[in-house]
Structure formats: C-alpha cells, structure tokens
Amino acid sequence: SVSSLIVAALLVYLSFLVLGEAIGFTLTLAGIAGAIVAIGVTADS
C-alpha cells in the first residue's frame, strides 16, 4: 500500500508540474483538499 501510494504521489506531483507548465495550473488550498480526498479514494482501492 505504501509503495503504491508513493507511486501515486510521484505521478500526481509530475502531473502538477507538467500541468503547471502547460496550462498554468497552480495548486490552491482547495486543490490540496481535493488531493487529500483522493488519497482516501486511493487507499480504499
């Protein structure tokens, strides 16, 4: 589970970096909340 969460975190981080450059995506407090909720969804899987 921890290994899978680490892989997911790396993919999310890379996505944020790519989207930041491509479309100007910035991570806000609401975005952080969305990522935290998604951690729960991932762990449930």
All heavy atoms as atom14 arrays in JSON, in Angstrom:
{
  "sequence": "SVSSLIVAALLVYLSFLVLGEAIGFTLTLAGIAGAIVAIGVTADS",
  "atom14_mask": [
    [1, 1, 1, 1, 1, 1, 0, 0, 0, 0, 0, 0, 0, 0],
    [1, 1, 1, 1, 1, 1, 1, 0, 0, 0, 0, 0, 0, 0],
    [1, 1, 1, 1, 1, 1, 0, 0, 0, 0, 0, 0, 0, 0],
    [1, 1, 1, 1, 1, 1, 0, 0, 0, 0, 0, 0, 0, 0],
    [1, 1, 1, 1, 1, 1, 1, 1, 0, 0, 0, 0, 0, 0],
    [1, 1, 1, 1, 1, 1, 1, 1, 0, 0, 0, 0, 0, 0],
    [1, 1, 1, 1, 1, 1, 1, 0, 0, 0, 0, 0, 0, 0],
    [1, 1, 1, 1, 1, 0, 0, 0, 0, 0, 0, 0, 0, 0],
    [1, 1, 1, 1, 1, 0, 0, 0, 0, 0, 0, 0, 0, 0],
    [1, 1, 1, 1, 1, 1, 1, 1, 0, 0, 0, 0, 0, 0],
    [1, 1, 1, 1, 1, 1, 1, 1, 0, 0, 0, 0, 0, 0],
    [1, 1, 1, 1, 1, 1, 1, 0, 0, 0, 0, 0, 0, 0],
    [1, 1, 1, 1, 1, 1, 1, 1, 1, 1, 1, 1, 0, 0],
    [1, 1, 1, 1, 1, 1, 1, 1, 0, 0, 0, 0, 0, 0],
    [1, 1, 1, 1, 1, 1, 0, 0, 0, 0, 0, 0, 0, 0],
    [1, 1, 1, 1, 1, 1, 1, 1, 1, 1, 1, 0, 0, 0],
    [1, 1, 1, 1, 1, 1, 1, 1, 0, 0, 0, 0, 0, 0],
    [1, 1, 1, 1, 1, 1, 1, 0, 0, 0, 0, 0, 0, 0],
    [1, 1, 1, 1, 1, 1, 1, 1, 0, 0, 0, 0, 0, 0],
    [1, 1, 1, 1, 0, 0, 0, 0, 0, 0, 0, 0, 0, 0],
    [1, 1, 1, 1, 1, 1, 1, 1, 1, 0, 0, 0, 0, 0],
    [1, 1, 1, 1, 1, 0, 0, 0, 0, 0, 0, 0, 0, 0],
    [1, 1, 1, 1, 1, 1, 1, 1, 0, 0, 0, 0, 0, 0],
    [1, 1, 1, 1, 0, 0, 0, 0, 0, 0, 0, 0, 0, 0],
    [1, 1, 1, 1, 1, 1, 1, 1, 1, 1, 1, 0, 0, 0],
    [1, 1, 1, 1, 1, 1, 1, 0, 0, 0, 0, 0, 0, 0],
    [1, 1, 1, 1, 1, 1, 1, 1, 0, 0, 0, 0, 0, 0],
    [1, 1, 1, 1, 1, 1, 1, 0, 0, 0, 0, 0, 0, 0],
    [1, 1, 1, 1, 1, 1, 1, 1, 0, 0, 0, 0, 0, 0],
    [1, 1, 1, 1, 1, 0, 0, 0, 0, 0, 0, 0, 0, 0],
    [1, 1, 1, 1, 0, 0, 0, 0, 0, 0, 0, 0, 0, 0],
    [1, 1, 1, 1, 1, 1, 1, 1, 0, 0, 0, 0, 0, 0],
    [1, 1, 1, 1, 1, 0, 0, 0, 0, 0, 0, 0, 0, 0],
    [1, 1, 1, 1, 0, 0, 0, 0, 0, 0, 0, 0, 0, 0],
    [1, 1, 1, 1, 1, 0, 0, 0, 0, 0, 0, 0, 0, 0],
    [1, 1, 1, 1, 1, 1, 1, 1, 0, 0, 0, 0, 0, 0],
    [1, 1, 1, 1, 1, 1, 1, 0, 0, 0, 0, 0, 0, 0],
    [1, 1, 1, 1, 1, 0, 0, 0, 0, 0, 0, 0, 0, 0],
    [1, 1, 1, 1, 1, 1, 1, 1, 0, 0, 0, 0, 0, 0],
    [1, 1, 1, 1, 0, 0, 0, 0, 0, 0, 0, 0, 0, 0],
    [1, 1, 1, 1, 1, 1, 1, 0, 0, 0, 0, 0, 0, 0],
    [1, 1, 1, 1, 1, 1, 1, 0, 0, 0, 0, 0, 0, 0],
    [1, 1, 1, 1, 1, 0, 0, 0, 0, 0, 0, 0, 0, 0],
    [1, 1, 1, 1, 1, 1, 1, 1, 0, 0, 0, 0, 0, 0],
    [1, 1, 1, 1, 1, 1, 0, 0, 0, 0, 0, 0, 0, 0]
  ],
  "atom14_positions": [
    [[0.83, -1.21, 0.0], [0.0, 0.0, 0.0], [0.85, 1.26, 0.0], [0.6, 2.19, -0.76], [-0.93, 0.03, 1.22], [-1.85, -1.0, 1.16], [0.0, 0.0, 0.0], [0.0, 0.0, 0.0], [0.0, 0.0, 0.0], [0.0, 0.0, 0.0], [0.0, 0.0, 0.0], [0.0, 0.0, 0.0], [0.0, 0.0, 0.0], [0.0, 0.0, 0.0]],
    [[1.87, 1.27, 0.85], [2.76, 2.43, 0.92], [3.49, 2.62, -0.41], [3.6, 3.75, -0.92], [3.74, 2.3, 2.1], [4.82, 3.35, 2.04], [2.99, 2.39, 3.42], [0.0, 0.0, 0.0], [0.0, 0.0, 0.0], [0.0, 0.0, 0.0], [0.0, 0.0, 0.0], [0.0, 0.0, 0.0], [0.0, 0.0, 0.0], [0.0, 0.0, 0.0]],
    [[3.97, 1.53, -0.99], [4.65, 1.62, -2.29], [3.71, 2.19, -3.35], [4.1, 3.05, -4.15], [5.15, 0.25, -2.74], [6.05, -0.29, -1.83], [0.0, 0.0, 0.0], [0.0, 0.0, 0.0], [0.0, 0.0, 0.0], [0.0, 0.0, 0.0], [0.0, 0.0, 0.0], [0.0, 0.0, 0.0], [0.0, 0.0, 0.0], [0.0, 0.0, 0.0]],
    [[2.48, 1.71, -3.37], [1.51, 2.18, -4.34], [1.17, 3.66, -4.11], [1.03, 4.42, -5.07], [0.23, 1.34, -4.28], [0.5, 0.0, -4.63], [0.0, 0.0, 0.0], [0.0, 0.0, 0.0], [0.0, 0.0, 0.0], [0.0, 0.0, 0.0], [0.0, 0.0, 0.0], [0.0, 0.0, 0.0], [0.0, 0.0, 0.0], [0.0, 0.0, 0.0]],
    [[1.07, 4.06, -2.86], [0.8, 5.47, -2.55], [1.98, 6.35, -2.98], [1.78, 7.48, -3.45], [0.49, 5.67, -1.07], [-0.89, 5.23, -0.62], [-1.0, 5.26, 0.9], [-1.97, 6.11, -1.24], [0.0, 0.0, 0.0], [0.0, 0.0, 0.0], [0.0, 0.0, 0.0], [0.0, 0.0, 0.0], [0.0, 0.0, 0.0], [0.0, 0.0, 0.0]],
    [[3.19, 5.85, -2.83], [4.37, 6.61, -3.26], [4.36, 6.78, -4.77], [4.61, 7.87, -5.29], [5.67, 5.95, -2.76], [5.8, 6.12, -1.25], [6.89, 6.51, -3.48], [6.9, 5.31, -0.61], [0.0, 0.0, 0.0], [0.0, 0.0, 0.0], [0.0, 0.0, 0.0], [0.0, 0.0, 0.0], [0.0, 0.0, 0.0], [0.0, 0.0, 0.0]],
    [[4.04, 5.71, -5.49], [3.95, 5.8, -6.96], [2.87, 6.8, -7.34], [3.07, 7.64, -8.22], [3.68, 4.41, -7.58], [3.32, 4.52, -9.05], [4.89, 3.52, -7.4], [0.0, 0.0, 0.0], [0.0, 0.0, 0.0], [0.0, 0.0, 0.0], [0.0, 0.0, 0.0], [0.0, 0.0, 0.0], [0.0, 0.0, 0.0], [0.0, 0.0, 0.0]],
    [[1.72, 6.72, -6.67], [0.62, 7.66, -6.96], [1.06, 9.1, -6.67], [0.77, 10.01, -7.46], [-0.62, 7.3, -6.15], [0.0, 0.0, 0.0], [0.0, 0.0, 0.0], [0.0, 0.0, 0.0], [0.0, 0.0, 0.0], [0.0, 0.0, 0.0], [0.0, 0.0, 0.0], [0.0, 0.0, 0.0], [0.0, 0.0, 0.0], [0.0, 0.0, 0.0]],
    [[1.75, 9.3, -5.55], [2.19, 10.65, -5.19], [3.17, 11.19, -6.23], [3.1, 12.37, -6.6], [2.85, 10.64, -3.81], [0.0, 0.0, 0.0], [0.0, 0.0, 0.0], [0.0, 0.0, 0.0], [0.0, 0.0, 0.0], [0.0, 0.0, 0.0], [0.0, 0.0, 0.0], [0.0, 0.0, 0.0], [0.0, 0.0, 0.0], [0.0, 0.0, 0.0]],
    [[4.07, 10.34, -6.7], [5.02, 10.78, -7.73], [4.3, 11.14, -9.03], [4.63, 12.15, -9.66], [6.07, 9.71, -7.99], [7.09, 9.47, -6.88], [7.96, 8.26, -7.19], [7.94, 10.71, -6.66], [0.0, 0.0, 0.0], [0.0, 0.0, 0.0], [0.0, 0.0, 0.0], [0.0, 0.0, 0.0], [0.0, 0.0, 0.0], [0.0, 0.0, 0.0]],
    [[3.31, 10.34, -9.41], [2.55, 10.65, -10.63], [1.75, 11.94, -10.47], [1.66, 12.74, -11.41], [1.63, 9.48, -10.99], [2.31, 8.24, -11.54], [1.3, 7.11, -11.72], [3.01, 8.54, -12.85], [0.0, 0.0, 0.0], [0.0, 0.0, 0.0], [0.0, 0.0, 0.0], [0.0, 0.0, 0.0], [0.0, 0.0, 0.0], [0.0, 0.0, 0.0]],
    [[1.18, 12.15, -9.3], [0.43, 13.39, -9.04], [1.37, 14.58, -9.1], [1.07, 15.59, -9.75], [-0.29, 13.32, -7.68], [-0.81, 14.69, -7.25], [-1.45, 12.33, -7.74], [0.0, 0.0, 0.0], [0.0, 0.0, 0.0], [0.0, 0.0, 0.0], [0.0, 0.0, 0.0], [0.0, 0.0, 0.0], [0.0, 0.0, 0.0], [0.0, 0.0, 0.0]],
    [[2.52, 14.46, -8.46], [3.49, 15.56, -8.45], [3.95, 15.88, -9.88], [3.99, 17.05, -10.27], [4.69, 15.19, -7.57], [5.73, 16.27, -7.48], [5.45, 17.46, -6.79], [6.97, 16.12, -8.07], [6.4, 18.46, -6.71], [7.92, 17.12, -8.0], [7.63, 18.29, -7.31], [8.58, 19.28, -7.24], [0.0, 0.0, 0.0], [0.0, 0.0, 0.0]],
    [[4.27, 14.85, -10.64], [4.68, 15.06, -12.03], [3.56, 15.68, -12.85], [3.79, 16.56, -13.68], [5.14, 13.75, -12.66], [6.47, 13.2, -12.16], [6.73, 11.82, -12.74], [7.61, 14.14, -12.49], [0.0, 0.0, 0.0], [0.0, 0.0, 0.0], [0.0, 0.0, 0.0], [0.0, 0.0, 0.0], [0.0, 0.0, 0.0], [0.0, 0.0, 0.0]],
    [[2.34, 15.25, -12.6], [1.18, 15.84, -13.3], [1.04, 17.32, -12.96], [0.77, 18.14, -13.84], [-0.1, 15.1, -12.92], [-0.05, 13.76, -13.31], [0.0, 0.0, 0.0], [0.0, 0.0, 0.0], [0.0, 0.0, 0.0], [0.0, 0.0, 0.0], [0.0, 0.0, 0.0], [0.0, 0.0, 0.0], [0.0, 0.0, 0.0], [0.0, 0.0, 0.0]],
    [[1.2, 17.65, -11.69], [1.11, 19.05, -11.29], [2.19, 19.88, -11.97], [1.93, 21.0, -12.42], [1.23, 19.19, -9.77], [0.03, 18.7, -9.0], [0.11, 18.54, -7.63], [-1.17, 18.41, -9.61], [-0.97, 18.1, -6.89], [-2.27, 17.96, -8.89], [-2.16, 17.81, -7.52], [0.0, 0.0, 0.0], [0.0, 0.0, 0.0], [0.0, 0.0, 0.0]],
    [[3.4, 19.34, -12.05], [4.49, 20.06, -12.7], [4.21, 20.26, -14.19], [4.38, 21.36, -14.73], [5.81, 19.32, -12.52], [6.41, 19.29, -11.12], [7.68, 18.44, -11.11], [6.69, 20.69, -10.61], [0.0, 0.0, 0.0], [0.0, 0.0, 0.0], [0.0, 0.0, 0.0], [0.0, 0.0, 0.0], [0.0, 0.0, 0.0], [0.0, 0.0, 0.0]],
    [[3.78, 19.2, -14.86], [3.51, 19.28, -16.29], [2.34, 20.23, -16.56], [2.41, 21.08, -17.46], [3.22, 17.88, -16.88], [2.67, 17.96, -18.29], [4.49, 17.04, -16.86], [0.0, 0.0, 0.0], [0.0, 0.0, 0.0], [0.0, 0.0, 0.0], [0.0, 0.0, 0.0], [0.0, 0.0, 0.0], [0.0, 0.0, 0.0], [0.0, 0.0, 0.0]],
    [[1.27, 20.1, -15.78], [0.11, 20.97, -15.98], [0.42, 22.42, -15.62], [-0.15, 23.34, -16.21], [-1.08, 20.47, -15.16], [-1.69, 19.16, -15.66], [-2.73, 18.65, -14.68], [-2.3, 19.35, -17.04], [0.0, 0.0, 0.0], [0.0, 0.0, 0.0], [0.0, 0.0, 0.0], [0.0, 0.0, 0.0], [0.0, 0.0, 0.0], [0.0, 0.0, 0.0]],
    [[1.31, 22.62, -14.66], [1.72, 23.98, -14.32], [2.39, 24.67, -15.49], [2.15, 25.84, -15.77], [0.0, 0.0, 0.0], [0.0, 0.0, 0.0], [0.0, 0.0, 0.0], [0.0, 0.0, 0.0], [0.0, 0.0, 0.0], [0.0, 0.0, 0.0], [0.0, 0.0, 0.0], [0.0, 0.0, 0.0], [0.0, 0.0, 0.0], [0.0, 0.0, 0.0]],
    [[3.23, 23.92, -16.17], [3.92, 24.47, -17.34], [2.99, 24.57, -18.55], [3.04, 25.55, -19.29], [5.13, 23.6, -17.7], [6.29, 23.71, -16.74], [6.91, 25.09, -16.77], [7.09, 25.67, -17.85], [7.23, 25.6, -15.67], [0.0, 0.0, 0.0], [0.0, 0.0, 0.0], [0.0, 0.0, 0.0], [0.0, 0.0, 0.0], [0.0, 0.0, 0.0]],
    [[2.15, 23.57, -18.75], [1.33, 23.5, -19.96], [0.13, 24.45, -19.94], [-0.15, 25.13, -20.93], [0.85, 22.07, -20.18], [0.0, 0.0, 0.0], [0.0, 0.0, 0.0], [0.0, 0.0, 0.0], [0.0, 0.0, 0.0], [0.0, 0.0, 0.0], [0.0, 0.0, 0.0], [0.0, 0.0, 0.0], [0.0, 0.0, 0.0], [0.0, 0.0, 0.0]],
    [[-0.59, 24.49, -18.8], [-1.82, 25.3, -18.76], [-1.83, 26.31, -17.63], [-2.86, 26.94, -17.38], [-3.08, 24.4, -18.67], [-3.09, 23.59, -17.37], [-3.2, 23.51, -19.89], [-4.39, 22.84, -17.11], [0.0, 0.0, 0.0], [0.0, 0.0, 0.0], [0.0, 0.0, 0.0], [0.0, 0.0, 0.0], [0.0, 0.0, 0.0], [0.0, 0.0, 0.0]],
    [[-0.72, 26.45, -16.94], [-0.65, 27.41, -15.85], [-1.36, 26.95, -14.59], [-1.78, 27.76, -13.76], [0.0, 0.0, 0.0], [0.0, 0.0, 0.0], [0.0, 0.0, 0.0], [0.0, 0.0, 0.0], [0.0, 0.0, 0.0], [0.0, 0.0, 0.0], [0.0, 0.0, 0.0], [0.0, 0.0, 0.0], [0.0, 0.0, 0.0], [0.0, 0.0, 0.0]],
    [[-1.49, 25.65, -14.4], [-2.14, 25.09, -13.21], [-1.36, 25.47, -11.96], [-0.14, 25.34, -11.9], [-2.2, 23.56, -13.34], [-2.73, 22.86, -12.12], [-4.09, 22.85, -11.85], [-1.87, 22.21, -11.26], [-4.58, 22.19, -10.73], [-2.35, 21.55, -10.14], [-3.71, 21.54, -9.87], [0.0, 0.0, 0.0], [0.0, 0.0, 0.0], [0.0, 0.0, 0.0]],
    [[-2.08, 25.97, -10.97], [-1.47, 26.25, -9.67], [-2.26, 25.52, -8.61], [-3.48, 25.42, -8.68], [-1.46, 27.76, -9.34], [-2.8, 28.25, -9.39], [-0.59, 28.52, -10.31], [0.0, 0.0, 0.0], [0.0, 0.0, 0.0], [0.0, 0.0, 0.0], [0.0, 0.0, 0.0], [0.0, 0.0, 0.0], [0.0, 0.0, 0.0], [0.0, 0.0, 0.0]],
    [[-1.58, 25.02, -7.63], [-2.21, 24.27, -6.56], [-2.66, 25.24, -5.47], [-1.85, 25.93, -4.86], [-1.24, 23.24, -6.0], [-1.82, 22.19, -5.07], [-2.91, 21.38, -5.77], [-0.72, 21.24, -4.61], [0.0, 0.0, 0.0], [0.0, 0.0, 0.0], [0.0, 0.0, 0.0], [0.0, 0.0, 0.0], [0.0, 0.0, 0.0], [0.0, 0.0, 0.0]],
    [[-3.97, 25.28, -5.26], [-4.55, 26.14, -4.23], [-4.91, 25.29, -3.01], [-4.79, 24.06, -3.04], [-5.83, 26.82, -4.75], [-6.8, 25.79, -5.05], [-5.54, 27.64, -6.0], [0.0, 0.0, 0.0], [0.0, 0.0, 0.0], [0.0, 0.0, 0.0], [0.0, 0.0, 0.0], [0.0, 0.0, 0.0], [0.0, 0.0, 0.0], [0.0, 0.0, 0.0]],
    [[-5.39, 25.95, -1.97], [-5.82, 25.23, -0.78], [-6.95, 24.26, -1.12], [-6.97, 23.12, -0.64], [-6.26, 26.22, 0.31], [-6.55, 25.63, 1.68], [-5.33, 24.88, 2.2], [-6.93, 26.74, 2.64], [0.0, 0.0, 0.0], [0.0, 0.0, 0.0], [0.0, 0.0, 0.0], [0.0, 0.0, 0.0], [0.0, 0.0, 0.0], [0.0, 0.0, 0.0]],
    [[-7.87, 24.68, -1.97], [-8.96, 23.79, -2.39], [-8.4, 22.6, -3.17], [-8.88, 21.47, -3.02], [-9.96, 24.55, -3.24], [0.0, 0.0, 0.0], [0.0, 0.0, 0.0], [0.0, 0.0, 0.0], [0.0, 0.0, 0.0], [0.0, 0.0, 0.0], [0.0, 0.0, 0.0], [0.0, 0.0, 0.0], [0.0, 0.0, 0.0], [0.0, 0.0, 0.0]],
    [[-7.4, 22.83, -3.98], [-6.77, 21.75, -4.73], [-6.08, 20.76, -3.81], [-6.13, 19.55, -4.04], [0.0, 0.0, 0.0], [0.0, 0.0, 0.0], [0.0, 0.0, 0.0], [0.0, 0.0, 0.0], [0.0, 0.0, 0.0], [0.0, 0.0, 0.0], [0.0, 0.0, 0.0], [0.0, 0.0, 0.0], [0.0, 0.0, 0.0], [0.0, 0.0, 0.0]],
    [[-5.45, 21.27, -2.78], [-4.82, 20.4, -1.79], [-5.88, 19.54, -1.11], [-5.68, 18.34, -0.89], [-4.02, 21.22, -0.76], [-2.82, 21.88, -1.44], [-3.58, 20.36, 0.41], [-2.1, 22.91, -0.6], [0.0, 0.0, 0.0], [0.0, 0.0, 0.0], [0.0, 0.0, 0.0], [0.0, 0.0, 0.0], [0.0, 0.0, 0.0], [0.0, 0.0, 0.0]],
    [[-7.03, 20.13, -0.8], [-8.13, 19.36, -0.21], [-8.59, 18.26, -1.16], [-8.86, 17.13, -0.73], [-9.29, 20.28, 0.14], [0.0, 0.0, 0.0], [0.0, 0.0, 0.0], [0.0, 0.0, 0.0], [0.0, 0.0, 0.0], [0.0, 0.0, 0.0], [0.0, 0.0, 0.0], [0.0, 0.0, 0.0], [0.0, 0.0, 0.0], [0.0, 0.0, 0.0]],
    [[-8.66, 18.54, -2.45], [-9.02, 17.53, -3.44], [-8.01, 16.39, -3.47], [-8.38, 15.22, -3.58], [0.0, 0.0, 0.0], [0.0, 0.0, 0.0], [0.0, 0.0, 0.0], [0.0, 0.0, 0.0], [0.0, 0.0, 0.0], [0.0, 0.0, 0.0], [0.0, 0.0, 0.0], [0.0, 0.0, 0.0], [0.0, 0.0, 0.0], [0.0, 0.0, 0.0]],
    [[-6.74, 16.73, -3.36], [-5.69, 15.7, -3.35], [-5.78, 14.85, -2.09], [-5.59, 13.62, -2.15], [-4.32, 16.35, -3.47], [0.0, 0.0, 0.0], [0.0, 0.0, 0.0], [0.0, 0.0, 0.0], [0.0, 0.0, 0.0], [0.0, 0.0, 0.0], [0.0, 0.0, 0.0], [0.0, 0.0, 0.0], [0.0, 0.0, 0.0], [0.0, 0.0, 0.0]],
    [[-6.09, 15.47, -0.98], [-6.22, 14.72, 0.28], [-7.4, 13.75, 0.21], [-7.3, 12.6, 0.63], [-6.34, 15.68, 1.48], [-5.0, 16.37, 1.7], [-6.8, 14.94, 2.73], [-5.04, 17.52, 2.69], [0.0, 0.0, 0.0], [0.0, 0.0, 0.0], [0.0, 0.0, 0.0], [0.0, 0.0, 0.0], [0.0, 0.0, 0.0], [0.0, 0.0, 0.0]],
    [[-8.52, 14.21, -0.34], [-9.68, 13.32, -0.5], [-9.31, 12.16, -1.42], [-9.68, 11.01, -1.17], [-10.9, 14.1, -1.05], [-12.01, 13.16, -1.48], [-11.4, 15.09, -0.01], [0.0, 0.0, 0.0], [0.0, 0.0, 0.0], [0.0, 0.0, 0.0], [0.0, 0.0, 0.0], [0.0, 0.0, 0.0], [0.0, 0.0, 0.0], [0.0, 0.0, 0.0]],
    [[-8.57, 12.44, -2.46], [-8.18, 11.39, -3.41], [-7.23, 10.37, -2.78], [-7.23, 9.21, -3.18], [-7.56, 12.01, -4.64], [0.0, 0.0, 0.0], [0.0, 0.0, 0.0], [0.0, 0.0, 0.0], [0.0, 0.0, 0.0], [0.0, 0.0, 0.0], [0.0, 0.0, 0.0], [0.0, 0.0, 0.0], [0.0, 0.0, 0.0], [0.0, 0.0, 0.0]],
    [[-6.45, 10.78, -1.79], [-5.6, 9.81, -1.08], [-6.49, 8.76, -0.42], [-6.18, 7.56, -0.46], [-4.71, 10.51, -0.03], [-3.65, 11.35, -0.73], [-4.06, 9.5, 0.91], [-2.89, 12.29, 0.2], [0.0, 0.0, 0.0], [0.0, 0.0, 0.0], [0.0, 0.0, 0.0], [0.0, 0.0, 0.0], [0.0, 0.0, 0.0], [0.0, 0.0, 0.0]],
    [[-7.59, 9.2, 0.15], [-8.54, 8.26, 0.74], [-9.15, 7.34, -0.29], [-9.32, 6.14, -0.05], [0.0, 0.0, 0.0], [0.0, 0.0, 0.0], [0.0, 0.0, 0.0], [0.0, 0.0, 0.0], [0.0, 0.0, 0.0], [0.0, 0.0, 0.0], [0.0, 0.0, 0.0], [0.0, 0.0, 0.0], [0.0, 0.0, 0.0], [0.0, 0.0, 0.0]],
    [[-9.48, 7.88, -1.46], [-10.03, 7.07, -2.54], [-9.0, 6.03, -2.98], [-9.33, 4.85, -3.19], [-10.44, 7.96, -3.74], [-10.81, 7.13, -4.95], [-11.6, 8.88, -3.35], [0.0, 0.0, 0.0], [0.0, 0.0, 0.0], [0.0, 0.0, 0.0], [0.0, 0.0, 0.0], [0.0, 0.0, 0.0], [0.0, 0.0, 0.0], [0.0, 0.0, 0.0]],
    [[-7.75, 6.43, -3.1], [-6.69, 5.52, -3.49], [-6.48, 4.42, -2.45], [-6.38, 3.24, -2.79], [-5.38, 6.29, -3.73], [-5.6, 7.28, -4.73], [-4.25, 5.39, -4.16], [0.0, 0.0, 0.0], [0.0, 0.0, 0.0], [0.0, 0.0, 0.0], [0.0, 0.0, 0.0], [0.0, 0.0, 0.0], [0.0, 0.0, 0.0], [0.0, 0.0, 0.0]],
    [[-6.43, 4.79, -1.19], [-6.26, 3.8, -0.13], [-7.44, 2.83, -0.12], [-7.26, 1.62, 0.09], [-6.11, 4.49, 1.22], [0.0, 0.0, 0.0], [0.0, 0.0, 0.0], [0.0, 0.0, 0.0], [0.0, 0.0, 0.0], [0.0, 0.0, 0.0], [0.0, 0.0, 0.0], [0.0, 0.0, 0.0], [0.0, 0.0, 0.0], [0.0, 0.0, 0.0]],
    [[-8.65, 3.32, -0.36], [-9.81, 2.44, -0.42], [-9.68, 1.42, -1.54], [-10.11, 0.27, -1.39], [-11.1, 3.25, -0.62], [-11.58, 3.91, 0.66], [-11.1, 3.54, 1.73], [-12.46, 4.79, 0.56], [0.0, 0.0, 0.0], [0.0, 0.0, 0.0], [0.0, 0.0, 0.0], [0.0, 0.0, 0.0], [0.0, 0.0, 0.0], [0.0, 0.0, 0.0]],
    [[-9.1, 1.81, -2.65], [-8.92, 0.87, -3.76], [-8.05, -0.3, -3.33], [-8.34, -1.45, -3.64], [-8.27, 1.58, -4.95], [-9.1, 2.58, -5.45], [0.0, 0.0, 0.0], [0.0, 0.0, 0.0], [0.0, 0.0, 0.0], [0.0, 0.0, 0.0], [0.0, 0.0, 0.0], [0.0, 0.0, 0.0], [0.0, 0.0, 0.0], [0.0, 0.0, 0.0]]
  ]
}
